[in-house]
C-alpha atoms as a PDB file:
ATOM      1  CA  MET A   1      22.932 -19.981  21.502  1.00  0.00           C
ATOM      2  CA  ALA A   2      24.996 -21.389  18.625  1.00  0.00           C
ATOM      3  CA  LEU A   3      21.997 -21.754  16.330  1.00  0.00           C
ATOM      4  CA  ALA A   4      20.890 -18.191  16.956  1.00  0.00           C
ATOM      5  CA  LEU A   5      24.305 -16.835  16.094  1.00  0.00           C
ATOM      6  CA  ILE A   6      24.400 -18.205  12.591  1.00  0.00           C
ATOM      7  CA  ARG A   7      21.222 -16.330  11.772  1.00  0.00           C
ATOM      8  CA  LYS A   8      21.691 -13.062   9.975  1.00  0.00           C
ATOM      9  CA  ASP A   9      19.147 -11.175  12.084  1.00  0.00           C
ATOM     10  CA  TYR A  10      20.809 -12.007  15.410  1.00  0.00           C
ATOM     11  CA  LEU A  11      24.231 -11.082  14.063  1.00  0.00           C
ATOM     12  CA  GLU A  12      22.853  -7.839  12.691  1.00  0.00           C
ATOM     13  CA  ILE A  13      21.692  -6.801  16.174  1.00  0.00           C
ATOM     14  CA  LEU A  14      25.049  -7.653  17.725  1.00  0.00           C
ATOM     15  CA  LYS A  15      26.864  -5.706  15.015  1.00  0.00           C
ATOM     16  CA  LEU A  16      24.610  -2.679  15.520  1.00  0.00           C
ATOM     17  CA  LEU A  17      25.365  -2.703  19.249  1.00  0.00           C
ATOM     18  CA  LYS A  18      29.082  -3.058  18.552  1.00  0.00           C
ATOM     19  CA  GLU A  19      28.860   0.517  17.255  1.00  0.00           C
ATOM     20  CA  GLY A  20      27.413   1.717  20.557  1.00  0.00           C
ATOM     21  CA  ASP A  21      24.480   1.542  22.955  1.00  0.00           C
ATOM     22  CA  MET A  22      21.048   2.025  21.372  1.00  0.00           C
ATOM     23  CA  GLN A  23      17.548   2.821  22.541  1.00  0.00           C
ATOM     24  CA  SER A  24      15.269  -0.202  22.097  1.00  0.00           C
ATOM     25  CA  SER A  25      12.982   1.368  19.491  1.00  0.00           C
ATOM     26  CA  ARG A  26      15.892   2.709  17.447  1.00  0.00           C
ATOM     27  CA  LEU A  27      17.616  -0.674  17.603  1.00  0.00           C
ATOM     28  CA  ALA A  28      14.499  -2.553  16.459  1.00  0.00           C
ATOM     29  CA  GLU A  29      13.934  -0.076  13.625  1.00  0.00           C
ATOM     30  CA  SER A  30      17.572  -0.395  12.511  1.00  0.00           C
ATOM     31  CA  VAL A  31      17.354  -4.147  11.958  1.00  0.00           C
ATOM     32  CA  LYS A  32      16.752  -4.531   8.229  1.00  0.00           C
ATOM     33  CA  SER A  33      16.601  -8.331   7.975  1.00  0.00           C
ATOM     34  CA  VAL A  34      13.268  -8.756   9.845  1.00  0.00           C
ATOM     35  CA  SER A  35      10.187  -6.743  10.781  1.00  0.00           C
ATOM     36  CA  ILE A  36      10.246  -4.486  13.829  1.00  0.00           C
ATOM     37  CA  SER A  37       8.102  -6.888  15.852  1.00  0.00           C
ATOM     38  CA  GLU A  38      10.435  -9.762  14.969  1.00  0.00           C
ATOM     39  CA  ALA A  39      13.447  -7.602  15.846  1.00  0.00           C
ATOM     40  CA  TYR A  40      12.042  -7.084  19.347  1.00  0.00           C
ATOM     41  CA  LYS A  41      11.747 -10.871  19.721  1.00  0.00           C
ATOM     42  CA  ARG A  42      15.377 -11.309  18.638  1.00  0.00           C
ATOM     43  CA  ILE A  43      16.479  -8.621  21.092  1.00  0.00           C
ATOM     44  CA  LYS A  44      14.717 -10.418  23.951  1.00  0.00           C
ATOM     45  CA  THR A  45      16.321 -13.721  22.941  1.00  0.00           C
ATOM     46  CA  LEU A  46      19.804 -12.204  22.842  1.00  0.00           C
ATOM     47  CA  GLU A  47      19.231 -10.644  26.258  1.00  0.00           C
ATOM     48  CA  LYS A  48      18.000 -13.952  27.668  1.00  0.00           C
ATOM     49  CA  GLU A  49      21.142 -15.631  26.257  1.00  0.00           C
ATOM     50  CA  GLY A  50      23.312 -13.045  28.024  1.00  0.00           C
ATOM     51  CA  LEU A  51      24.774 -11.514  24.863  1.00  0.00           C
ATOM     52  CA  ILE A  52      23.150  -8.120  25.349  1.00  0.00           C
ATOM     53  CA  GLU A  53      21.706  -6.266  28.329  1.00  0.00           C
ATOM     54  CA  HIS A  54      19.669  -3.164  28.922  1.00  0.00           C
ATOM     55  CA  TYR A  55      19.758  -0.286  31.346  1.00  0.00           C
ATOM     56  CA  THR A  56      17.247   2.476  31.909  1.00  0.00           C
ATOM     57  CA  GLY A  57      17.891   5.920  30.504  1.00  0.00           C
ATOM     58  CA  GLU A  58      15.700   8.937  29.819  1.00  0.00           C
ATOM     59  CA  ASN A  59      14.420  10.405  26.581  1.00  0.00           C
ATOM     60  CA  GLU A  60      14.346  14.141  25.868  1.00  0.00           C
ATOM     61  CA  ARG A  61      11.073  14.450  27.811  1.00  0.00           C
ATOM     62  CA  GLY A  62      12.531  12.744  30.877  1.00  0.00           C
ATOM     63  CA  GLN A  63      10.595   9.515  30.356  1.00  0.00           C
ATOM     64  CA  PRO A  64      12.345   6.205  31.095  1.00  0.00           C
ATOM     65  CA  ILE A  65      13.592   4.219  28.089  1.00  0.00           C
ATOM     66  CA  LYS A  66      15.452   0.940  27.634  1.00  0.00           C
ATOM     67  CA  ILE A  67      18.933   1.250  26.215  1.00  0.00           C
ATOM     68  CA  TYR A  68      20.706  -1.881  25.013  1.00  0.00           C
ATOM     69  CA  ARG A  69      24.412  -2.687  24.947  1.00  0.00           C
ATOM     70  CA  LEU A  70      26.630  -5.689  24.295  1.00  0.00           C
ATOM     71  CA  THR A  71      27.751  -7.688  27.295  1.00  0.00           C
ATOM     72  CA  GLU A  72      31.342  -8.870  27.533  1.00  0.00           C
ATOM     73  CA  LEU A  73      30.129 -12.300  26.412  1.00  0.00           C
ATOM     74  CA  GLY A  74      28.326 -10.732  23.459  1.00  0.00           C
ATOM     75  CA  ARG A  75      31.460  -8.844  22.478  1.00  0.00           C
ATOM     76  CA  LEU A  76      33.583 -12.001  22.646  1.00  0.00           C
ATOM     77  CA  VAL A  77      31.082 -14.053  20.670  1.00  0.00           C
ATOM     78  CA  LEU A  78      30.773 -11.379  17.998  1.00  0.00           C
ATOM     79  CA  GLU A  79      34.558 -11.101  17.684  1.00  0.00           C
ATOM     80  CA  ARG A  80      34.807 -14.861  17.191  1.00  0.00           C
ATOM     81  CA  VAL A  81      32.010 -14.930  14.617  1.00  0.00           C
ATOM     82  CA  GLU A  82      33.642 -12.067  12.709  1.00  0.00           C
ATOM     83  CA  GLU A  83      36.977 -13.949  12.738  1.00  0.00           C
ATOM     84  CA  LEU A  84      35.242 -17.005  11.315  1.00  0.00           C
ATOM     85  CA  GLU A  85      33.494 -14.904   8.656  1.00  0.00           C
ATOM     86  CA  GLU A  86      36.855 -13.430   7.646  1.00  0.00           C
ATOM     87  CA  LYS A  87      38.459 -16.889   7.390  1.00  0.00           C
ATOM     88  CA  TYR A  88      35.510 -18.119   5.336  1.00  0.00           C
ATOM     89  CA  GLN A  89      35.877 -15.194   2.929  1.00  0.00           C
ATOM     90  CA  LYS A  90      39.579 -15.942   2.472  1.00  0.00           C
ATOM     91  CA  ILE A  91      38.790 -19.574   1.707  1.00  0.00           C
ATOM     92  CA  ARG A  92      36.132 -18.543  -0.843  1.00  0.00           C
ATOM     93  CA  ILE A  93      38.549 -16.169  -2.557  1.00  0.00           C
ATOM     94  CA  LYS A  94      41.182 -18.913  -2.916  1.00  0.00           C
ATOM     95  CA  LYS A  95      38.767 -21.229  -4.764  1.00  0.00           C
END
């Protein structure tokens, strides 16, 4: 898990979900740091790691869709990473 979290693409997904639950296709399309197919792979990895989860919703035509959200673990990990990023920025500014 630790190695995945230092990668920009994994963090980007967590940060997107911090803003709210997202349909799988919209989430994958919103990730700018990798291709859509690679974004789907990152989403599956984060779900396997327990940082995000999905539930089934319906689209406007009543068809089932996957909707992703942060888990409590994902929220805690993201908060910690953001704290570390903030501390790092302060250190860089002091130099």
